[in-house]
Amino acid sequence: MKLGNHIKARRQDRGWTQKDLAEALSVSRQTVIAIEGGRYDPSLPLAFAIAGVFECRIEDLFYPVEKP
């Protein structure tokens, strides 16, 4: 199953750059770009870290995407 996400919108709502989020998560900017673009599904620990940074539940950030 592929995941979609609301990370870019959450990040932009806070006025953060991709670099800001990457630093908060201790990952590369390229990792943030790939997650936001749906090209990389984060590990469960990273998904929890992302939810922690945005002070929300994982379910508020990620959703299943149906394959055509």
N, C-alpha and C. Protein backbone atom coordinates (compact mmCIF):
# COMPACT_ATOMS: atom_id res chain seq x y z
N MET A 1 0.84 -1.18 0.00
CA MET A 1 0.00 0.00 0.00
C MET A 1 0.88 1.24 0.00
N LYS A 2 0.54 2.18 -0.83
CA LYS A 2 1.24 3.46 -0.91
C LYS A 2 0.55 4.47 0.00
N LEU A 3 1.33 5.40 0.53
CA LEU A 3 0.78 6.41 1.42
C LEU A 3 0.83 7.79 0.77
N GLY A 4 -0.20 8.57 1.02
CA GLY A 4 -0.19 10.00 0.71
C GLY A 4 0.03 10.72 2.03
N ASN A 5 0.32 12.00 1.96
CA ASN A 5 0.54 12.72 3.23
C ASN A 5 0.21 14.21 3.10
N HIS A 6 0.07 14.81 4.27
CA HIS A 6 -0.22 16.24 4.38
C HIS A 6 0.98 17.00 4.95
N ILE A 7 2.16 16.44 4.82
CA ILE A 7 3.34 17.02 5.47
C ILE A 7 3.69 18.38 4.88
N LYS A 8 3.66 18.51 3.57
CA LYS A 8 4.02 19.80 2.96
C LYS A 8 3.11 20.91 3.47
N ALA A 9 1.80 20.64 3.50
CA ALA A 9 0.85 21.65 3.97
C ALA A 9 1.11 22.02 5.43
N ARG A 10 1.36 21.00 6.27
CA ARG A 10 1.64 21.27 7.69
C ARG A 10 2.91 22.10 7.84
N ARG A 11 3.93 21.73 7.05
CA ARG A 11 5.21 22.45 7.11
C ARG A 11 5.01 23.90 6.69
N GLN A 12 4.30 24.11 5.59
CA GLN A 12 4.08 25.47 5.09
C GLN A 12 3.23 26.29 6.06
N ASP A 13 2.26 25.64 6.71
CA ASP A 13 1.43 26.34 7.70
C ASP A 13 2.29 26.93 8.82
N ARG A 14 3.39 26.26 9.13
CA ARG A 14 4.29 26.73 10.19
C ARG A 14 5.36 27.69 9.67
N GLY A 15 5.40 27.88 8.36
CA GLY A 15 6.40 28.76 7.78
C GLY A 15 7.79 28.15 7.75
N TRP A 16 7.85 26.82 7.77
CA TRP A 16 9.13 26.12 7.77
C TRP A 16 9.56 25.79 6.34
N THR A 17 10.86 25.78 6.13
CA THR A 17 11.42 25.27 4.89
C THR A 17 11.61 23.77 5.02
N GLN A 18 11.90 23.13 3.89
CA GLN A 18 12.21 21.71 3.94
C GLN A 18 13.46 21.47 4.79
N LYS A 19 14.39 22.38 4.73
CA LYS A 19 15.60 22.28 5.55
C LYS A 19 15.26 22.35 7.03
N ASP A 20 14.35 23.25 7.41
CA ASP A 20 13.95 23.36 8.81
C ASP A 20 13.37 22.04 9.32
N LEU A 21 12.48 21.45 8.52
CA LEU A 21 11.87 20.18 8.93
C LEU A 21 12.91 19.08 8.99
N ALA A 22 13.79 19.04 8.00
CA ALA A 22 14.85 18.03 7.99
C ALA A 22 15.71 18.11 9.24
N GLU A 23 16.06 19.31 9.63
CA GLU A 23 16.88 19.50 10.83
C GLU A 23 16.12 19.06 12.08
N ALA A 24 14.82 19.36 12.16
CA ALA A 24 14.02 18.96 13.31
C ALA A 24 13.91 17.45 13.42
N LEU A 25 13.99 16.76 12.27
CA LEU A 25 13.86 15.30 12.24
C LEU A 25 15.21 14.59 12.19
N SER A 26 16.29 15.33 12.06
CA SER A 26 17.63 14.76 11.90
C SER A 26 17.72 13.84 10.68
N VAL A 27 17.15 14.32 9.57
CA VAL A 27 17.25 13.63 8.29
C VAL A 27 17.73 14.64 7.26
N SER A 28 18.00 14.16 6.04
CA SER A 28 18.43 15.07 4.99
C SER A 28 17.24 15.79 4.37
N ARG A 29 17.51 16.90 3.75
CA ARG A 29 16.47 17.64 3.03
C ARG A 29 15.92 16.77 1.91
N GLN A 30 16.77 15.96 1.30
CA GLN A 30 16.33 15.06 0.23
C GLN A 30 15.30 14.06 0.74
N THR A 31 15.45 13.62 1.99
CA THR A 31 14.47 12.70 2.58
C THR A 31 13.13 13.39 2.72
N VAL A 32 13.12 14.63 3.19
CA VAL A 32 11.87 15.39 3.32
C VAL A 32 11.23 15.57 1.95
N ILE A 33 12.02 15.92 0.96
CA ILE A 33 11.50 16.09 -0.41
C ILE A 33 10.85 14.81 -0.90
N ALA A 34 11.51 13.68 -0.69
CA ALA A 34 10.98 12.40 -1.15
C ALA A 34 9.70 12.01 -0.42
N ILE A 35 9.64 12.26 0.88
CA ILE A 35 8.43 11.95 1.65
C ILE A 35 7.28 12.84 1.18
N GLU A 36 7.52 14.13 1.11
CA GLU A 36 6.47 15.06 0.68
C GLU A 36 5.96 14.72 -0.72
N GLY A 37 6.84 14.29 -1.59
CA GLY A 37 6.47 13.97 -2.96
C GLY A 37 5.86 12.59 -3.13
N GLY A 38 5.79 11.83 -2.05
CA GLY A 38 5.21 10.50 -2.12
C GLY A 38 6.10 9.46 -2.76
N ARG A 39 7.38 9.77 -2.91
CA ARG A 39 8.32 8.82 -3.50
C ARG A 39 8.97 7.92 -2.46
N TYR A 40 8.77 8.24 -1.18
CA TYR A 40 9.38 7.47 -0.10
C TYR A 40 8.41 7.45 1.07
N ASP A 41 8.08 6.25 1.54
CA ASP A 41 7.26 6.10 2.74
C ASP A 41 8.19 5.96 3.93
N PRO A 42 8.05 6.82 4.93
CA PRO A 42 8.97 6.77 6.07
C PRO A 42 8.78 5.51 6.90
N SER A 43 9.83 5.15 7.61
CA SER A 43 9.74 4.05 8.57
C SER A 43 8.77 4.46 9.67
N LEU A 44 8.30 3.49 10.42
CA LEU A 44 7.37 3.80 11.51
C LEU A 44 8.00 4.74 12.53
N PRO A 45 9.27 4.52 12.96
CA PRO A 45 9.87 5.48 13.89
C PRO A 45 9.95 6.90 13.32
N LEU A 46 10.26 7.03 12.02
CA LEU A 46 10.31 8.36 11.42
C LEU A 46 8.91 8.96 11.32
N ALA A 47 7.91 8.15 11.01
CA ALA A 47 6.54 8.65 10.96
C ALA A 47 6.11 9.17 12.33
N PHE A 48 6.47 8.46 13.41
CA PHE A 48 6.17 8.94 14.76
C PHE A 48 6.91 10.24 15.04
N ALA A 49 8.15 10.34 14.58
CA ALA A 49 8.93 11.57 14.80
C ALA A 49 8.28 12.75 14.07
N ILE A 50 7.82 12.52 12.85
CA ILE A 50 7.17 13.58 12.08
C ILE A 50 5.90 14.03 12.80
N ALA A 51 5.11 13.06 13.25
CA ALA A 51 3.89 13.39 13.99
C ALA A 51 4.23 14.16 15.27
N GLY A 52 5.31 13.78 15.94
CA GLY A 52 5.72 14.48 17.15
C GLY A 52 6.11 15.93 16.88
N VAL A 53 6.81 16.16 15.79
CA VAL A 53 7.21 17.52 15.42
C VAL A 53 5.98 18.39 15.17
N PHE A 54 4.96 17.80 14.54
CA PHE A 54 3.74 18.57 14.24
C PHE A 54 2.68 18.45 15.33
N GLU A 55 3.02 17.75 16.40
CA GLU A 55 2.13 17.60 17.56
C GLU A 55 0.75 17.09 17.14
N CYS A 56 0.75 15.99 16.38
CA CYS A 56 -0.50 15.39 15.93
C CYS A 56 -0.33 13.88 15.85
N ARG A 57 -1.37 13.19 15.45
CA ARG A 57 -1.31 11.74 15.29
C ARG A 57 -0.80 11.39 13.89
N ILE A 58 -0.21 10.23 13.76
CA ILE A 58 0.24 9.76 12.45
C ILE A 58 -0.92 9.78 11.46
N GLU A 59 -2.11 9.39 11.92
CA GLU A 59 -3.29 9.32 11.05
C GLU A 59 -3.69 10.70 10.52
N ASP A 60 -3.26 11.76 11.20
CA ASP A 60 -3.54 13.11 10.73
C ASP A 60 -2.61 13.53 9.60
N LEU A 61 -1.51 12.81 9.42
CA LEU A 61 -0.52 13.14 8.40
C LEU A 61 -0.55 12.23 7.19
N PHE A 62 -0.79 10.94 7.42
CA PHE A 62 -0.69 9.95 6.36
C PHE A 62 -2.03 9.30 6.06
N TYR A 63 -2.24 8.95 4.80
CA TYR A 63 -3.47 8.28 4.39
C TYR A 63 -3.15 7.32 3.24
N PRO A 64 -3.91 6.22 3.13
CA PRO A 64 -3.66 5.26 2.06
C PRO A 64 -4.07 5.82 0.70
N VAL A 65 -3.31 5.47 -0.32
CA VAL A 65 -3.61 5.89 -1.68
C VAL A 65 -3.94 4.63 -2.48
N GLU A 66 -5.07 4.67 -3.14
CA GLU A 66 -5.48 3.55 -3.99
C GLU A 66 -4.63 3.55 -5.25
N LYS A 67 -4.19 2.37 -5.64
CA LYS A 67 -3.45 2.26 -6.90
C LYS A 67 -4.45 2.11 -8.04
N PRO A 68 -4.19 2.76 -9.17
CA PRO A 68 -5.13 2.67 -10.32
C PRO A 68 -5.18 1.28 -10.92
